[in-house]
Amino acid sequence: MQARFAEATVAPRAAPCAPHEPPAKLVARGRHVFKQPGWGTIELRATPAGKRLLHRGKRVTLTLRATFKPAGRGRAIVQTRRLVLRR
């Protein structure tokens, strides 16, 4: 078994612009396992829906949800941010 200090996952979703639009779609996903305290880089891989969305639009609004789960019995920390990608 691999020893780990903590694990972080990131999942940006396309933000719906109006209430009548369908729910947000997952556009990318990434994960990183920390073996010691410190900074880490998470590489995101686009889903097929994300590739279509990013290919079509010049401006895309996303909701970025990051989850940090400490090893052991600690509670997960979840942060949510909105961001705009422009081509």
Protein backbone atom coordinates (compact mmCIF):
# COMPACT_ATOMS: atom_id res chain seq x y z
CA MET A 1 0.00 0.00 0.00
CA GLN A 2 1.22 3.47 -0.88
CA ALA A 3 1.82 5.85 2.03
CA ARG A 4 0.21 9.23 1.57
CA PHE A 5 -0.13 12.47 3.43
CA ALA A 6 -3.25 13.75 1.70
CA GLU A 7 -5.21 13.66 -1.53
CA ALA A 8 -6.67 16.49 -3.61
CA THR A 9 -9.13 16.34 -6.48
CA VAL A 10 -10.34 19.09 -8.81
CA ALA A 11 -13.46 18.92 -10.98
CA PRO A 12 -14.45 22.03 -12.95
CA ARG A 13 -18.02 22.10 -14.24
CA ALA A 14 -19.68 24.30 -16.84
CA ALA A 15 -21.86 26.78 -15.00
CA PRO A 16 -25.45 27.13 -16.24
CA CYS A 17 -26.18 30.72 -17.29
CA ALA A 18 -29.92 30.71 -16.58
CA PRO A 19 -32.28 28.74 -14.33
CA HIS A 20 -34.03 27.05 -17.26
CA GLU A 21 -30.78 25.54 -18.60
CA PRO A 22 -29.77 21.93 -17.89
CA PRO A 23 -27.53 21.20 -14.88
CA ALA A 24 -23.78 21.80 -15.07
CA LYS A 25 -21.63 19.26 -16.95
CA LEU A 26 -18.29 17.94 -15.81
CA VAL A 27 -15.68 19.36 -18.21
CA ALA A 28 -12.42 18.07 -16.67
CA ARG A 29 -11.05 16.05 -13.80
CA GLY A 30 -7.73 15.81 -11.98
CA ARG A 31 -6.21 14.21 -8.90
CA HIS A 32 -2.95 14.43 -6.94
CA VAL A 33 -1.71 12.40 -3.97
CA PHE A 34 0.57 14.32 -1.61
CA LYS A 35 3.31 12.23 0.01
CA GLN A 36 4.51 15.10 2.21
CA PRO A 37 3.23 18.56 3.20
CA GLY A 38 3.65 21.25 0.56
CA TRP A 39 2.45 22.43 -2.83
CA GLY A 40 1.39 20.23 -5.71
CA THR A 41 0.25 20.65 -9.28
CA ILE A 42 -2.90 18.95 -10.51
CA GLU A 43 -3.08 18.17 -14.22
CA LEU A 44 -6.63 18.33 -15.52
CA ARG A 45 -7.89 16.06 -18.30
CA ALA A 46 -10.88 17.25 -20.30
CA THR A 47 -13.91 14.99 -20.68
CA PRO A 48 -15.54 14.63 -24.14
CA ALA A 49 -18.26 17.10 -23.06
CA GLY A 50 -15.56 19.50 -21.89
CA LYS A 51 -13.69 19.28 -25.19
CA ARG A 52 -16.88 20.13 -27.10
CA LEU A 53 -17.66 23.04 -24.80
CA LEU A 54 -14.14 24.51 -24.93
CA HIS A 55 -13.92 24.06 -28.71
CA ARG A 56 -17.20 25.90 -29.35
CA GLY A 57 -17.01 28.88 -27.06
CA LYS A 58 -14.80 31.96 -26.96
CA ARG A 59 -15.81 32.61 -23.36
CA VAL A 60 -16.72 29.80 -20.97
CA THR A 61 -17.80 30.25 -17.34
CA LEU A 62 -16.82 27.35 -15.08
CA THR A 63 -17.33 26.45 -11.46
CA LEU A 64 -14.15 24.94 -10.06
CA ARG A 65 -14.61 22.58 -7.12
CA ALA A 66 -11.50 21.45 -5.26
CA THR A 67 -11.58 18.81 -2.52
CA PHE A 68 -8.65 18.26 -0.15
CA LYS A 69 -8.88 15.09 1.93
CA PRO A 70 -6.23 14.63 4.65
CA ALA A 71 -4.98 11.11 5.29
CA GLY A 72 -6.44 9.46 8.35
CA ARG A 73 -9.61 10.66 10.01
CA GLY A 74 -9.55 14.34 9.00
CA ARG A 75 -12.59 15.95 7.38
CA ALA A 76 -12.46 16.84 3.71
CA ILE A 77 -12.06 20.53 2.83
CA VAL A 78 -14.06 21.68 -0.21
CA GLN A 79 -13.52 25.01 -1.99
CA THR A 80 -15.67 26.29 -4.85
CA ARG A 81 -14.70 29.15 -7.19
CA ARG A 82 -16.18 30.53 -10.41
CA LEU A 83 -13.84 31.40 -13.24
CA VAL A 84 -14.06 32.49 -16.86
CA LEU A 85 -11.89 31.00 -19.60
CA ARG A 86 -11.32 33.23 -22.61
CA ARG A 87 -9.77 32.20 -25.87
